[in-house]
Amino acid sequence: MLKFIPKNFIVFILLLIIEVIIALYIKQHFIRHVFGDYLCVIMLFYFFRSFLKLKPIYTALIVLIISFFIEILQLINIISILNIQNNIIKIILGTSFSVIDLVAYCLGILTVLIIEKLNSSQFSH
């Protein structure tokens, strides 16, 4: 079940760098929030696939459940409820709920599933 896959980890690192660049330098709403959330689930997918030998659909479902759970925590304003002051935790959990974020997560997961399907099809011929 555990196996390190360097290719997936490299994809994760590249996406992490892109996410950091977006967070630090991009102020445009769509790219920063919607596209950033879209990339975030793709990044998490490849992070998990770097270490866990699961079928892509299972990894995708795990990432989607985690993403939706975090978004629900934003809906109930968990940051205020728990009086969290740590800025890093605030960035990770986020501070505002948006249905658009849920759509971005689904599109990101759909994208990785298509990529994984295309990659597996190329190697099966």
C-alpha atoms as a PDB file:
ATOM      1  CA  MET A   1       0.000   0.000   0.000  1.00  0.00           C
ATOM      2  CA  LEU A   2       2.876   2.389   0.713  1.00  0.00           C
ATOM      3  CA  LYS A   3       5.272   3.016  -2.125  1.00  0.00           C
ATOM      4  CA  PHE A   4       7.180   6.173  -3.006  1.00  0.00           C
ATOM      5  CA  ILE A   5       6.605   7.238  -6.620  1.00  0.00           C
ATOM      6  CA  PRO A   6       9.065  10.037  -7.524  1.00  0.00           C
ATOM      7  CA  LYS A   7       7.192  11.126 -10.685  1.00  0.00           C
ATOM      8  CA  ASN A   8       4.047  11.899  -8.682  1.00  0.00           C
ATOM      9  CA  PHE A   9       6.066  13.688  -6.013  1.00  0.00           C
ATOM     10  CA  ILE A  10       7.694  15.911  -8.661  1.00  0.00           C
ATOM     11  CA  VAL A  11       4.238  16.835  -9.994  1.00  0.00           C
ATOM     12  CA  PHE A  12       3.180  17.635  -6.413  1.00  0.00           C
ATOM     13  CA  ILE A  13       6.227  19.869  -5.852  1.00  0.00           C
ATOM     14  CA  LEU A  14       5.688  21.722  -9.148  1.00  0.00           C
ATOM     15  CA  LEU A  15       2.030  22.343  -8.296  1.00  0.00           C
ATOM     16  CA  LEU A  16       2.999  23.454  -4.794  1.00  0.00           C
ATOM     17  CA  ILE A  17       5.411  26.009  -6.278  1.00  0.00           C
ATOM     18  CA  ILE A  18       2.657  27.275  -8.606  1.00  0.00           C
ATOM     19  CA  GLU A  19       0.240  27.535  -5.657  1.00  0.00           C
ATOM     20  CA  VAL A  20       2.791  29.531  -3.628  1.00  0.00           C
ATOM     21  CA  ILE A  21       3.424  31.874  -6.575  1.00  0.00           C
ATOM     22  CA  ILE A  22      -0.323  32.396  -6.989  1.00  0.00           C
ATOM     23  CA  ALA A  23      -0.741  33.059  -3.260  1.00  0.00           C
ATOM     24  CA  LEU A  24       2.137  35.529  -3.100  1.00  0.00           C
ATOM     25  CA  TYR A  25       1.906  37.385  -6.401  1.00  0.00           C
ATOM     26  CA  ILE A  26      -1.491  36.976  -8.052  1.00  0.00           C
ATOM     27  CA  LYS A  27      -4.261  39.272  -6.887  1.00  0.00           C
ATOM     28  CA  GLN A  28      -6.847  38.520  -9.583  1.00  0.00           C
ATOM     29  CA  HIS A  29      -9.841  36.851  -7.880  1.00  0.00           C
ATOM     30  CA  PHE A  30     -10.552  34.047 -10.364  1.00  0.00           C
ATOM     31  CA  ILE A  31      -6.950  32.838 -10.570  1.00  0.00           C
ATOM     32  CA  ARG A  32      -6.211  33.223  -6.878  1.00  0.00           C
ATOM     33  CA  HIS A  33      -9.377  31.631  -5.523  1.00  0.00           C
ATOM     34  CA  VAL A  34     -11.113  29.470  -8.121  1.00  0.00           C
ATOM     35  CA  PHE A  35      -8.114  28.313 -10.163  1.00  0.00           C
ATOM     36  CA  GLY A  36      -6.075  27.992  -6.964  1.00  0.00           C
ATOM     37  CA  ASP A  37      -8.702  25.628  -5.500  1.00  0.00           C
ATOM     38  CA  TYR A  38      -8.811  23.693  -8.777  1.00  0.00           C
ATOM     39  CA  LEU A  39      -5.026  23.230  -8.642  1.00  0.00           C
ATOM     40  CA  CYS A  40      -5.090  22.464  -4.920  1.00  0.00           C
ATOM     41  CA  VAL A  41      -7.039  19.215  -5.307  1.00  0.00           C
ATOM     42  CA  ILE A  42      -4.798  18.172  -8.188  1.00  0.00           C
ATOM     43  CA  MET A  43      -1.768  18.907  -6.004  1.00  0.00           C
ATOM     44  CA  LEU A  44      -3.227  16.886  -3.104  1.00  0.00           C
ATOM     45  CA  PHE A  45      -4.061  14.020  -5.447  1.00  0.00           C
ATOM     46  CA  TYR A  46      -0.442  13.777  -6.589  1.00  0.00           C
ATOM     47  CA  PHE A  47       0.812  14.160  -3.030  1.00  0.00           C
ATOM     48  CA  PHE A  48      -1.232  11.143  -1.929  1.00  0.00           C
ATOM     49  CA  ARG A  49      -0.304   9.223  -5.098  1.00  0.00           C
ATOM     50  CA  SER A  50       3.364   9.858  -4.248  1.00  0.00           C
ATOM     51  CA  PHE A  51       3.069   7.569  -1.234  1.00  0.00           C
ATOM     52  CA  LEU A  52      -0.105   5.497  -1.470  1.00  0.00           C
ATOM     53  CA  LYS A  53      -0.534   2.748  -4.005  1.00  0.00           C
ATOM     54  CA  LEU A  54      -4.282   3.113  -4.481  1.00  0.00           C
ATOM     55  CA  LYS A  55      -6.398   3.132  -7.586  1.00  0.00           C
ATOM     56  CA  PRO A  56      -6.748   6.705  -8.893  1.00  0.00           C
ATOM     57  CA  ILE A  57     -10.502   6.723  -8.203  1.00  0.00           C
ATOM     58  CA  TYR A  58      -9.925   5.937  -4.520  1.00  0.00           C
ATOM     59  CA  THR A  59      -7.260   8.612  -4.188  1.00  0.00           C
ATOM     60  CA  ALA A  60      -9.561  11.063  -5.959  1.00  0.00           C
ATOM     61  CA  LEU A  61     -12.435  10.266  -3.589  1.00  0.00           C
ATOM     62  CA  ILE A  62     -10.197  10.707  -0.535  1.00  0.00           C
ATOM     63  CA  VAL A  63      -9.010  14.107  -1.781  1.00  0.00           C
ATOM     64  CA  LEU A  64     -12.546  15.192  -2.674  1.00  0.00           C
ATOM     65  CA  ILE A  65     -13.893  14.165   0.739  1.00  0.00           C
ATOM     66  CA  ILE A  66     -11.088  16.047   2.515  1.00  0.00           C
ATOM     67  CA  SER A  67     -11.688  19.122   0.345  1.00  0.00           C
ATOM     68  CA  PHE A  68     -15.448  19.101   0.919  1.00  0.00           C
ATOM     69  CA  PHE A  69     -14.916  18.554   4.653  1.00  0.00           C
ATOM     70  CA  ILE A  70     -12.634  21.595   4.864  1.00  0.00           C
ATOM     71  CA  GLU A  71     -15.165  23.648   2.916  1.00  0.00           C
ATOM     72  CA  ILE A  72     -17.909  22.580   5.348  1.00  0.00           C
ATOM     73  CA  LEU A  73     -15.662  23.681   8.223  1.00  0.00           C
ATOM     74  CA  GLN A  74     -15.515  27.081   6.510  1.00  0.00           C
ATOM     75  CA  LEU A  75     -19.309  27.123   6.265  1.00  0.00           C
ATOM     76  CA  ILE A  76     -19.667  26.659  10.031  1.00  0.00           C
ATOM     77  CA  ASN A  77     -16.856  29.191  10.606  1.00  0.00           C
ATOM     78  CA  ILE A  78     -14.624  26.777  12.520  1.00  0.00           C
ATOM     79  CA  ILE A  79     -11.831  29.371  12.721  1.00  0.00           C
ATOM     80  CA  SER A  80     -14.008  31.604  14.919  1.00  0.00           C
ATOM     81  CA  ILE A  81     -15.575  28.755  16.860  1.00  0.00           C
ATOM     82  CA  LEU A  82     -12.152  27.442  17.894  1.00  0.00           C
ATOM     83  CA  ASN A  83     -10.677  30.964  18.144  1.00  0.00           C
ATOM     84  CA  ILE A  84      -7.776  29.988  15.877  1.00  0.00           C
ATOM     85  CA  GLN A  85      -5.174  32.757  15.638  1.00  0.00           C
ATOM     86  CA  ASN A  86      -2.439  30.899  13.744  1.00  0.00           C
ATOM     87  CA  ASN A  87      -2.200  32.362  10.219  1.00  0.00           C
ATOM     88  CA  ILE A  88      -0.864  29.163   8.663  1.00  0.00           C
ATOM     89  CA  ILE A  89      -3.842  27.176   9.960  1.00  0.00           C
ATOM     90  CA  LYS A  90      -6.150  29.946   8.710  1.00  0.00           C
ATOM     91  CA  ILE A  91      -4.586  29.667   5.249  1.00  0.00           C
ATOM     92  CA  ILE A  92      -4.875  25.854   5.220  1.00  0.00           C
ATOM     93  CA  LEU A  93      -8.470  25.773   6.464  1.00  0.00           C
ATOM     94  CA  GLY A  94      -9.603  28.937   4.698  1.00  0.00           C
ATOM     95  CA  THR A  95     -12.014  31.449   6.096  1.00  0.00           C
ATOM     96  CA  SER A  96     -14.964  31.663   3.710  1.00  0.00           C
ATOM     97  CA  PHE A  97     -17.330  29.083   2.248  1.00  0.00           C
ATOM     98  CA  SER A  98     -18.115  29.151  -1.456  1.00  0.00           C
ATOM     99  CA  VAL A  99     -20.131  26.793  -3.634  1.00  0.00           C
ATOM    100  CA  ILE A 100     -17.795  27.779  -6.474  1.00  0.00           C
ATOM    101  CA  ASP A 101     -14.948  26.170  -4.482  1.00  0.00           C
ATOM    102  CA  LEU A 102     -16.881  22.882  -4.463  1.00  0.00           C
ATOM    103  CA  VAL A 103     -17.250  23.110  -8.248  1.00  0.00           C
ATOM    104  CA  ALA A 104     -13.516  23.849  -8.605  1.00  0.00           C
ATOM    105  CA  TYR A 105     -12.682  20.795  -6.471  1.00  0.00           C
ATOM    106  CA  CYS A 106     -14.909  18.562  -8.610  1.00  0.00           C
ATOM    107  CA  LEU A 107     -13.396  19.881 -11.835  1.00  0.00           C
ATOM    108  CA  GLY A 108      -9.881  19.364 -10.480  1.00  0.00           C
ATOM    109  CA  ILE A 109     -10.680  15.779  -9.513  1.00  0.00           C
ATOM    110  CA  LEU A 110     -12.296  15.155 -12.900  1.00  0.00           C
ATOM    111  CA  THR A 111      -9.142  16.509 -14.551  1.00  0.00           C
ATOM    112  CA  VAL A 112      -6.803  14.154 -12.667  1.00  0.00           C
ATOM    113  CA  LEU A 113      -9.043  11.179 -13.354  1.00  0.00           C
ATOM    114  CA  ILE A 114      -8.963  11.990 -17.084  1.00  0.00           C
ATOM    115  CA  ILE A 115      -5.169  12.427 -16.963  1.00  0.00           C
ATOM    116  CA  GLU A 116      -4.757   9.130 -15.116  1.00  0.00           C
ATOM    117  CA  LYS A 117      -7.059   7.344 -17.574  1.00  0.00           C
ATOM    118  CA  LEU A 118      -5.168   8.746 -20.567  1.00  0.00           C
ATOM    119  CA  ASN A 119      -1.821   7.778 -19.011  1.00  0.00           C
ATOM    120  CA  SER A 120      -2.978   4.230 -18.284  1.00  0.00           C
ATOM    121  CA  SER A 121      -4.372   3.912 -21.819  1.00  0.00           C
ATOM    122  CA  GLN A 122      -1.036   4.943 -23.339  1.00  0.00           C
ATOM    123  CA  PHE A 123       0.823   2.278 -21.402  1.00  0.00           C
ATOM    124  CA  SER A 124      -1.649  -0.516 -22.072  1.00  0.00           C
ATOM    125  CA  HIS A 125      -1.081  -0.546 -25.861  1.00  0.00           C
END
